[in-house]
C-alpha atoms as a PDB file:
ATOM      1  CA  MET A   1       0.000   0.000   0.000  1.00  0.00           C
ATOM      2  CA  CYS A   2       1.431   3.379  -1.042  1.00  0.00           C
ATOM      3  CA  GLN A   3       2.072   5.816   1.757  1.00  0.00           C
ATOM      4  CA  ILE A   4       0.153   9.092   1.539  1.00  0.00           C
ATOM      5  CA  GLN A   5       2.464  12.068   1.093  1.00  0.00           C
ATOM      6  CA  LEU A   6       1.801  15.464   2.630  1.00  0.00           C
ATOM      7  CA  SER A   7       3.713  18.705   2.288  1.00  0.00           C
ATOM      8  CA  ILE A   8       3.078  21.636   4.610  1.00  0.00           C
ATOM      9  CA  SER A   9       4.085  25.255   4.210  1.00  0.00           C
ATOM     10  CA  ILE A  10       4.251  27.859   6.969  1.00  0.00           C
ATOM     11  CA  VAL A  11       5.270  31.443   6.225  1.00  0.00           C
ATOM     12  CA  VAL A  12       6.819  33.572   8.944  1.00  0.00           C
ATOM     13  CA  TYR A  13       7.931  37.175   9.198  1.00  0.00           C
ATOM     14  CA  ASP A  14       9.519  38.462  12.399  1.00  0.00           C
ATOM     15  CA  GLU A  15       7.714  35.893  14.589  1.00  0.00           C
ATOM     16  CA  THR A  16       9.162  34.606  17.836  1.00  0.00           C
ATOM     17  CA  PHE A  17      10.555  31.094  17.964  1.00  0.00           C
ATOM     18  CA  GLN A  18       8.161  30.254  20.807  1.00  0.00           C
ATOM     19  CA  GLN A  19       5.117  31.077  18.663  1.00  0.00           C
ATOM     20  CA  ILE A  20       6.397  28.978  15.777  1.00  0.00           C
ATOM     21  CA  LYS A  21       7.422  26.152  18.122  1.00  0.00           C
ATOM     22  CA  SER A  22       3.921  25.959  19.629  1.00  0.00           C
ATOM     23  CA  CYS A  23       2.363  25.754  16.182  1.00  0.00           C
ATOM     24  CA  LEU A  24       4.829  23.062  15.054  1.00  0.00           C
ATOM     25  CA  LEU A  25       4.315  20.958  18.169  1.00  0.00           C
ATOM     26  CA  SER A  26       0.545  20.867  17.619  1.00  0.00           C
ATOM     27  CA  LEU A  27       1.107  20.107  13.935  1.00  0.00           C
ATOM     28  CA  LEU A  28       3.529  17.243  14.581  1.00  0.00           C
ATOM     29  CA  ASP A  29       1.181  15.780  17.161  1.00  0.00           C
ATOM     30  CA  ALA A  30      -1.622  15.753  14.551  1.00  0.00           C
ATOM     31  CA  ILE A  31       0.239  14.029  11.703  1.00  0.00           C
ATOM     32  CA  PRO A  32      -0.945  10.389  11.446  1.00  0.00           C
ATOM     33  CA  LYS A  33       1.800   7.768  11.618  1.00  0.00           C
ATOM     34  CA  MET A  34       1.032   6.360   8.171  1.00  0.00           C
ATOM     35  CA  ILE A  35       1.664   9.742   6.522  1.00  0.00           C
ATOM     36  CA  SER A  36       4.956  10.707   4.888  1.00  0.00           C
ATOM     37  CA  TYR A  37       5.381  14.433   5.450  1.00  0.00           C
ATOM     38  CA  LYS A  38       7.663  17.384   4.896  1.00  0.00           C
ATOM     39  CA  ILE A  39       7.270  20.800   6.522  1.00  0.00           C
ATOM     40  CA  THR A  40       8.732  23.881   4.862  1.00  0.00           C
ATOM     41  CA  LEU A  41       9.099  26.981   6.998  1.00  0.00           C
ATOM     42  CA  VAL A  42       9.470  29.956   4.667  1.00  0.00           C
ATOM     43  CA  ASP A  43      11.046  32.980   6.338  1.00  0.00           C
ATOM     44  CA  ASN A  44      10.050  36.150   4.498  1.00  0.00           C
ATOM     45  CA  GLY A  45      12.082  38.359   6.800  1.00  0.00           C
ATOM     46  CA  ALA A  46      15.347  36.532   7.418  1.00  0.00           C
ATOM     47  CA  SER A  47      17.136  38.178   4.489  1.00  0.00           C
ATOM     48  CA  LEU A  48      16.446  41.545   6.139  1.00  0.00           C
ATOM     49  CA  ASN A  49      17.702  40.485   9.565  1.00  0.00           C
ATOM     50  CA  LYS A  50      21.394  39.594   9.728  1.00  0.00           C
ATOM     51  CA  ASN A  51      21.088  38.474  13.357  1.00  0.00           C
ATOM     52  CA  ASN A  52      18.331  35.965  12.683  1.00  0.00           C
ATOM     53  CA  ASP A  53      18.914  32.743  14.626  1.00  0.00           C
ATOM     54  CA  LEU A  54      15.552  31.097  13.949  1.00  0.00           C
ATOM     55  CA  GLU A  55      17.079  28.329  11.844  1.00  0.00           C
ATOM     56  CA  LEU A  56      19.455  27.318  14.630  1.00  0.00           C
ATOM     57  CA  GLU A  57      16.659  27.234  17.214  1.00  0.00           C
ATOM     58  CA  LEU A  58      14.507  25.121  14.915  1.00  0.00           C
ATOM     59  CA  LYS A  59      17.296  22.602  14.334  1.00  0.00           C
ATOM     60  CA  GLN A  60      17.963  22.313  18.047  1.00  0.00           C
ATOM     61  CA  ALA A  61      14.298  21.854  18.941  1.00  0.00           C
ATOM     62  CA  PHE A  62      13.324  19.528  16.078  1.00  0.00           C
ATOM     63  CA  LEU A  63      16.474  17.542  15.402  1.00  0.00           C
ATOM     64  CA  ASN A  64      16.248  14.973  12.568  1.00  0.00           C
ATOM     65  CA  LEU A  65      12.649  15.842  11.687  1.00  0.00           C
ATOM     66  CA  PRO A  66      11.692  16.638   8.060  1.00  0.00           C
ATOM     67  CA  ILE A  67      11.439  20.378   8.606  1.00  0.00           C
ATOM     68  CA  ASP A  68      13.123  22.566   6.012  1.00  0.00           C
ATOM     69  CA  TYR A  69      13.970  26.183   6.760  1.00  0.00           C
ATOM     70  CA  LEU A  70      13.860  28.290   3.611  1.00  0.00           C
ATOM     71  CA  ILE A  71      14.983  31.908   3.484  1.00  0.00           C
ATOM     72  CA  SER A  72      12.859  33.675   0.919  1.00  0.00           C
ATOM     73  CA  PRO A  73      14.938  35.808  -1.477  1.00  0.00           C
ATOM     74  CA  LYS A  74      12.541  38.678  -0.833  1.00  0.00           C
ATOM     75  CA  ASN A  75       9.490  39.549   1.222  1.00  0.00           C
ATOM     76  CA  GLY A  76       7.007  38.989  -1.576  1.00  0.00           C
ATOM     77  CA  GLY A  77       4.046  38.486   0.722  1.00  0.00           C
ATOM     78  CA  TYR A  78       1.993  35.611   2.108  1.00  0.00           C
ATOM     79  CA  GLY A  79       1.141  33.889  -1.172  1.00  0.00           C
ATOM     80  CA  TYR A  80       4.635  34.364  -2.579  1.00  0.00           C
ATOM     81  CA  GLY A  81       6.086  32.623   0.478  1.00  0.00           C
ATOM     82  CA  HIS A  82       3.735  29.638   0.259  1.00  0.00           C
ATOM     83  CA  ASN A  83       4.356  29.296  -3.474  1.00  0.00           C
ATOM     84  CA  GLN A  84       8.037  28.620  -2.737  1.00  0.00           C
ATOM     85  CA  ALA A  85       6.993  25.380  -1.043  1.00  0.00           C
ATOM     86  CA  ILE A  86       4.048  24.508  -3.296  1.00  0.00           C
ATOM     87  CA  PHE A  87       6.105  24.537  -6.493  1.00  0.00           C
ATOM     88  CA  ASN A  88       8.892  22.476  -4.893  1.00  0.00           C
ATOM     89  CA  SER A  89       6.692  19.651  -3.634  1.00  0.00           C
ATOM     90  CA  ASP A  90       5.555  16.467  -5.354  1.00  0.00           C
ATOM     91  CA  ALA A  91       3.275  15.261  -2.550  1.00  0.00           C
ATOM     92  CA  GLU A  92      -0.338  14.206  -2.962  1.00  0.00           C
ATOM     93  CA  TYR A  93      -1.702  16.755  -0.505  1.00  0.00           C
ATOM     94  CA  HIS A  94      -0.510  20.176   0.596  1.00  0.00           C
ATOM     95  CA  LEU A  95      -1.474  22.088   3.729  1.00  0.00           C
ATOM     96  CA  ILE A  96      -1.249  25.879   3.715  1.00  0.00           C
ATOM     97  CA  LEU A  97      -0.955  26.817   7.388  1.00  0.00           C
ATOM     98  CA  ASN A  98      -0.625  29.978   9.445  1.00  0.00           C
ATOM     99  CA  ASN A  99       2.035  30.020  12.145  1.00  0.00           C
ATOM    100  CA  ASP A 100      -0.533  31.107  14.753  1.00  0.00           C
ATOM    101  CA  VAL A 101      -2.783  28.060  14.302  1.00  0.00           C
ATOM    102  CA  TYR A 102      -3.073  25.121  16.684  1.00  0.00           C
ATOM    103  CA  LEU A 103      -4.322  21.721  15.545  1.00  0.00           C
ATOM    104  CA  THR A 104      -6.121  19.097  17.614  1.00  0.00           C
ATOM    105  CA  PRO A 105      -4.657  15.562  17.593  1.00  0.00           C
ATOM    106  CA  ASP A 106      -7.251  14.313  15.074  1.00  0.00           C
ATOM    107  CA  THR A 107      -7.334  17.378  12.791  1.00  0.00           C
ATOM    108  CA  LEU A 108      -5.271  15.903   9.973  1.00  0.00           C
ATOM    109  CA  LYS A 109      -6.627  12.364  10.279  1.00  0.00           C
ATOM    110  CA  ASN A 110     -10.130  13.721   9.826  1.00  0.00           C
ATOM    111  CA  ALA A 111      -8.956  15.900   6.924  1.00  0.00           C
ATOM    112  CA  PHE A 112      -7.461  12.894   5.106  1.00  0.00           C
ATOM    113  CA  ASP A 113     -10.590  10.819   5.764  1.00  0.00           C
ATOM    114  CA  PHE A 114     -12.795  13.576   4.362  1.00  0.00           C
ATOM    115  CA  MET A 115     -10.715  14.060   1.214  1.00  0.00           C
ATOM    116  CA  GLN A 116     -10.621  10.321   0.535  1.00  0.00           C
ATOM    117  CA  GLN A 117     -14.376  10.105   1.019  1.00  0.00           C
ATOM    118  CA  TYR A 118     -15.020  13.021  -1.358  1.00  0.00           C
ATOM    119  CA  PRO A 119     -12.609  12.839  -4.320  1.00  0.00           C
ATOM    120  CA  THR A 120     -14.299  15.814  -6.029  1.00  0.00           C
ATOM    121  CA  VAL A 121     -13.160  18.131  -3.212  1.00  0.00           C
ATOM    122  CA  GLY A 122      -9.941  19.961  -4.053  1.00  0.00           C
ATOM    123  CA  MET A 123      -9.711  22.165  -0.974  1.00  0.00           C
ATOM    124  CA  LEU A 124     -10.915  21.570   2.571  1.00  0.00           C
ATOM    125  CA  VAL A 125     -11.329  24.265   5.221  1.00  0.00           C
ATOM    126  CA  PRO A 126     -11.716  23.704   8.969  1.00  0.00           C
ATOM    127  CA  ASP A 127     -14.016  24.507  11.845  1.00  0.00           C
ATOM    128  CA  VAL A 128     -12.201  27.442  13.457  1.00  0.00           C
ATOM    129  CA  TYR A 129     -12.257  28.463  17.113  1.00  0.00           C
ATOM    130  CA  ASP A 130     -10.556  31.313  18.910  1.00  0.00           C
ATOM    131  CA  MET A 131      -8.433  30.764  21.999  1.00  0.00           C
ATOM    132  CA  ASN A 132     -11.517  31.139  24.187  1.00  0.00           C
ATOM    133  CA  GLU A 133     -13.184  28.152  22.476  1.00  0.00           C
ATOM    134  CA  ARG A 134     -15.637  30.370  20.560  1.00  0.00           C
ATOM    135  CA  ARG A 135     -16.468  29.312  17.028  1.00  0.00           C
ATOM    136  CA  VAL A 136     -15.474  31.737  14.272  1.00  0.00           C
ATOM    137  CA  HIS A 137     -17.722  31.669  11.200  1.00  0.00           C
ATOM    138  CA  LEU A 138     -15.366  31.537   8.223  1.00  0.00           C
ATOM    139  CA  CYS A 139     -17.520  29.887   5.552  1.00  0.00           C
ATOM    140  CA  ARG A 140     -18.119  33.092   3.669  1.00  0.00           C
ATOM    141  CA  HIS A 141     -19.678  34.220   0.432  1.00  0.00           C
ATOM    142  CA  ASN A 142     -17.469  36.002  -2.096  1.00  0.00           C
ATOM    143  CA  PRO A 143     -16.649  39.516  -0.903  1.00  0.00           C
ATOM    144  CA  ASN A 144     -17.384  42.835  -2.544  1.00  0.00           C
ATOM    145  CA  LEU A 145     -16.105  46.316  -1.723  1.00  0.00           C
ATOM    146  CA  TRP A 146     -19.110  47.170   0.440  1.00  0.00           C
ATOM    147  CA  ILE A 147     -18.737  44.043   2.584  1.00  0.00           C
ATOM    148  CA  SER A 148     -14.988  44.636   2.794  1.00  0.00           C
ATOM    149  CA  PHE A 149     -15.565  48.164   4.091  1.00  0.00           C
ATOM    150  CA  LEU A 150     -18.182  47.040   6.609  1.00  0.00           C
ATOM    151  CA  ARG A 151     -16.021  44.294   8.048  1.00  0.00           C
ATOM    152  CA  ARG A 152     -12.689  46.092   8.214  1.00  0.00           C
ATOM    153  CA  PHE A 153     -13.247  49.815   8.560  1.00  0.00           C
ATOM    154  CA  SER A 154     -16.818  50.735   9.478  1.00  0.00           C
ATOM    155  CA  PRO A 155     -17.645  51.944  13.026  1.00  0.00           C
ATOM    156  CA  ASN A 156     -19.607  49.654  15.332  1.00  0.00           C
ATOM    157  CA  PHE A 157     -22.882  51.525  14.897  1.00  0.00           C
ATOM    158  CA  LEU A 158     -22.747  50.902  11.139  1.00  0.00           C
ATOM    159  CA  LYS A 159     -21.954  47.219  11.703  1.00  0.00           C
ATOM    160  CA  LYS A 160     -25.070  46.993  13.884  1.00  0.00           C
ATOM    161  CA  ILE A 161     -27.234  48.597  11.193  1.00  0.00           C
ATOM    162  CA  PHE A 162     -26.032  46.080   8.614  1.00  0.00           C
ATOM    163  CA  LYS A 163     -25.723  43.149  11.014  1.00  0.00           C
ATOM    164  CA  LYS A 164     -28.040  40.901   8.984  1.00  0.00           C
ATOM    165  CA  GLN A 165     -25.988  41.498   5.854  1.00  0.00           C
ATOM    166  CA  LEU A 166     -22.765  40.613   7.681  1.00  0.00           C
ATOM    167  CA  ILE A 167     -24.342  37.491   9.195  1.00  0.00           C
ATOM    168  CA  LYS A 168     -25.461  36.356   5.750  1.00  0.00           C
ATOM    169  CA  PHE A 169     -21.974  36.994   4.340  1.00  0.00           C
ATOM    170  CA  GLU A 170     -20.486  34.726   7.031  1.00  0.00           C
ATOM    171  CA  MET A 171     -23.121  32.085   6.222  1.00  0.00           C
ATOM    172  CA  GLN A 172     -24.325  32.019   9.809  1.00  0.00           C
ATOM    173  CA  ASP A 173     -27.694  30.959   8.432  1.00  0.00           C
ATOM    174  CA  ARG A 174     -26.088  27.586   7.646  1.00  0.00           C
ATOM    175  CA  ASP A 175     -25.493  24.750  10.108  1.00  0.00           C
ATOM    176  CA  TYR A 176     -21.779  24.770  11.001  1.00  0.00           C
ATOM    177  CA  ASN A 177     -22.211  21.362  12.642  1.00  0.00           C
ATOM    178  CA  GLU A 178     -22.699  19.829   9.195  1.00  0.00           C
ATOM    179  CA  ALA A 179     -20.335  19.563   6.234  1.00  0.00           C
ATOM    180  CA  MET A 180     -20.730  22.226   3.541  1.00  0.00           C
ATOM    181  CA  PHE A 181     -19.847  21.963  -0.129  1.00  0.00           C
ATOM    182  CA  LYS A 182     -19.518  24.262  -3.129  1.00  0.00           C
ATOM    183  CA  LEU A 183     -17.880  27.043  -1.143  1.00  0.00           C
ATOM    184  CA  SER A 184     -15.572  29.569  -2.806  1.00  0.00           C
ATOM    185  CA  ASN A 185     -14.180  31.898  -0.130  1.00  0.00           C
ATOM    186  CA  PRO A 186     -11.983  29.898   2.286  1.00  0.00           C
ATOM    187  CA  THR A 187      -9.957  31.070   5.242  1.00  0.00           C
ATOM    188  CA  GLY A 188      -6.254  31.291   4.474  1.00  0.00           C
ATOM    189  CA  CYS A 189      -5.119  30.130   7.924  1.00  0.00           C
ATOM    190  CA  PHE A 190      -5.658  26.433   7.056  1.00  0.00           C
ATOM    191  CA  MET A 191      -6.254  25.209   3.507  1.00  0.00           C
ATOM    192  CA  PHE A 192      -5.903  21.456   2.967  1.00  0.00           C
ATOM    193  CA  CYS A 193      -5.518  20.893  -0.784  1.00  0.00           C
ATOM    194  CA  ARG A 194      -4.824  18.351  -3.475  1.00  0.00           C
ATOM    195  CA  LEU A 195      -1.412  19.522  -4.636  1.00  0.00           C
ATOM    196  CA  ASN A 196      -1.925  18.757  -8.323  1.00  0.00           C
ATOM    197  CA  LEU A 197      -4.877  21.177  -8.354  1.00  0.00           C
ATOM    198  CA  LEU A 198      -2.872  23.871  -6.575  1.00  0.00           C
ATOM    199  CA  LYS A 199      -0.196  23.543  -9.223  1.00  0.00           C
ATOM    200  CA  CYS A 200      -2.811  23.589 -11.976  1.00  0.00           C
ATOM    201  CA  LEU A 201      -3.921  26.961 -10.583  1.00  0.00           C
ATOM    202  CA  LYS A 202      -0.268  28.087 -10.356  1.00  0.00           C
ATOM    203  CA  GLY A 203      -0.651  28.609  -6.614  1.00  0.00           C
ATOM    204  CA  PHE A 204      -1.388  31.977  -5.119  1.00  0.00           C
ATOM    205  CA  ASP A 205      -1.681  35.106  -7.223  1.00  0.00           C
ATOM    206  CA  GLU A 206       1.446  36.910  -6.020  1.00  0.00           C
ATOM    207  CA  LYS A 207       0.007  40.319  -6.895  1.00  0.00           C
ATOM    208  CA  PHE A 208      -1.738  40.045  -3.533  1.00  0.00           C
ATOM    209  CA  PHE A 209       0.836  40.883  -0.855  1.00  0.00           C
ATOM    210  CA  MET A 210      -1.548  39.959   1.959  1.00  0.00           C
ATOM    211  CA  TYR A 211      -5.329  39.659   2.373  1.00  0.00           C
ATOM    212  CA  TYR A 212      -7.816  38.434  -0.241  1.00  0.00           C
ATOM    213  CA  ASP A 213      -5.191  36.058  -1.627  1.00  0.00           C
ATOM    214  CA  ASP A 214      -7.078  33.212   0.072  1.00  0.00           C
ATOM    215  CA  SER A 215     -10.415  34.445  -1.312  1.00  0.00           C
ATOM    216  CA  ASP A 216      -8.912  34.582  -4.790  1.00  0.00           C
ATOM    217  CA  LEU A 217      -7.332  31.120  -4.549  1.00  0.00           C
ATOM    218  CA  GLY A 218     -10.550  29.590  -3.245  1.00  0.00           C
ATOM    219  CA  ARG A 219     -12.602  31.185  -5.974  1.00  0.00           C
ATOM    220  CA  ARG A 220     -10.266  29.833  -8.635  1.00  0.00           C
ATOM    221  CA  MET A 221     -10.268  26.395  -6.996  1.00  0.00           C
ATOM    222  CA  ALA A 222     -14.083  26.383  -7.030  1.00  0.00           C
ATOM    223  CA  LYS A 223     -13.974  26.661 -10.823  1.00  0.00           C
ATOM    224  CA  ILE A 224     -12.072  23.392 -11.274  1.00  0.00           C
ATOM    225  CA  SER A 225     -13.030  21.450  -8.134  1.00  0.00           C
ATOM    226  CA  GLN A 226     -14.986  21.801  -4.912  1.00  0.00           C
ATOM    227  CA  VAL A 227     -14.128  23.801  -1.808  1.00  0.00           C
ATOM    228  CA  ALA A 228     -15.659  22.157   1.247  1.00  0.00           C
ATOM    229  CA  TYR A 229     -15.934  22.616   5.015  1.00  0.00           C
ATOM    230  CA  SER A 230     -15.944  19.881   7.641  1.00  0.00           C
ATOM    231  CA  PRO A 231     -16.819  20.355  11.337  1.00  0.00           C
ATOM    232  CA  THR A 232     -14.641  17.353  12.189  1.00  0.00           C
ATOM    233  CA  VAL A 233     -11.497  19.248  11.132  1.00  0.00           C
ATOM    234  CA  LYS A 234     -10.987  21.574  14.086  1.00  0.00           C
ATOM    235  CA  ILE A 235      -8.316  24.196  14.743  1.00  0.00           C
ATOM    236  CA  LYS A 236      -7.676  27.096  17.076  1.00  0.00           C
ATOM    237  CA  HIS A 237      -6.502  30.405  15.676  1.00  0.00           C
ATOM    238  CA  VAL A 238      -4.821  33.279  17.487  1.00  0.00           C
ATOM    239  CA  TRP A 239      -6.512  36.324  15.961  1.00  0.00           C
ATOM    240  CA  ARG A 240      -4.347  39.305  15.134  1.00  0.00           C
ATOM    241  CA  ARG A 241      -6.031  42.547  14.179  1.00  0.00           C
ATOM    242  CA  ALA A 242      -3.190  44.164  12.228  1.00  0.00           C
ATOM    243  CA  PRO A 243      -5.410  45.754   9.539  1.00  0.00           C
ATOM    244  CA  TYR A 244      -7.282  47.599  12.271  1.00  0.00           C
ATOM    245  CA  GLN A 245      -4.254  48.653  14.287  1.00  0.00           C
ATOM    246  CA  LYS A 246      -1.568  49.659  11.797  1.00  0.00           C
ATOM    247  CA  LYS A 247      -1.989  52.161   8.982  1.00  0.00           C
ATOM    248  CA  ARG A 248       0.401  50.276   6.689  1.00  0.00           C
ATOM    249  CA  MET A 249      -1.510  47.017   7.068  1.00  0.00           C
ATOM    250  CA  ALA A 250      -4.808  48.838   6.582  1.00  0.00           C
ATOM    251  CA  TRP A 251      -3.439  50.219   3.312  1.00  0.00           C
ATOM    252  CA  ILE A 252      -2.294  46.760   2.186  1.00  0.00           C
ATOM    253  CA  ALA A 253      -5.731  45.316   2.991  1.00  0.00           C
ATOM    254  CA  SER A 254      -7.449  48.125   1.085  1.00  0.00           C
ATOM    255  CA  LYS A 255      -5.181  47.711  -1.939  1.00  0.00           C
ATOM    256  CA  SER A 256      -5.815  43.963  -1.980  1.00  0.00           C
ATOM    257  CA  ALA A 257      -9.584  44.526  -1.798  1.00  0.00           C
ATOM    258  CA  LEU A 258      -9.398  46.867  -4.780  1.00  0.00           C
ATOM    259  CA  TYR A 259      -7.273  44.439  -6.791  1.00  0.00           C
ATOM    260  CA  TYR A 260      -9.588  41.542  -5.940  1.00  0.00           C
ATOM    261  CA  SER A 261     -12.609  43.584  -7.024  1.00  0.00           C
ATOM    262  CA  TRP A 262     -10.921  44.579 -10.266  1.00  0.00           C
ATOM    263  CA  LYS A 263      -9.785  41.040 -10.990  1.00  0.00           C
ATOM    264  CA  TRP A 264     -13.237  39.561 -10.501  1.00  0.00           C
ATOM    265  CA  ARG A 265     -15.036  42.597 -11.926  1.00  0.00           C
ATOM    266  CA  LEU A 266     -17.270  43.063  -8.898  1.00  0.00           C
ATOM    267  CA  LYS A 267     -19.742  45.927  -8.682  1.00  0.00           C
END
């Protein structure tokens, strides 16, 4: 019986070793024994930091494990970093993973089981919880500029006025305790994919530096396969609100929203 092969990419930029270590420990604990795996940690910031010792710390903590440390030649953004690993893998499945995500011990087993049960699914997204065990609704409809403004920049009183519209966008009218199919706007923190389809799509569109790159990839995947959600594939995600707190990140998010809208010709 052929062993299932899995490649995993994690992109980092100026993260602490402890944060990355915690993510890796949960990931390693979730990889089933029958799986052949390789983890690629892509450092988008190492080339800018001459005193970076992340590689040494990783080697000391995870000696003899198949974890590659790759210094990106430039900080080309989230999708650019993941593409470095995607295009250099020949595995059957590929997991795109944030470094601030924590897996449960059965996360990947359940992901493999789901993908083998549904061969028409090309991308699987998880049931996401915050660190306080609250479910986060990330099965979303395709965004437009109005929704993007409401979610990222509008004041609370405006969010309350359009609460029903935001709830519908997040598909909270659906049962998150059941599997969902024919989605097109996945969360980028955990995307479990058939690698051949990722390569067929040529990976992420690197014109997105950050934000909306996951929406774009999911929408393209939905044209050639299915994007699905399973409540059995659970993760925890440490939420960072950079677009709300830093002007530069807010500008990057806005620029990505405009490019996404132009690319998909949204009104």
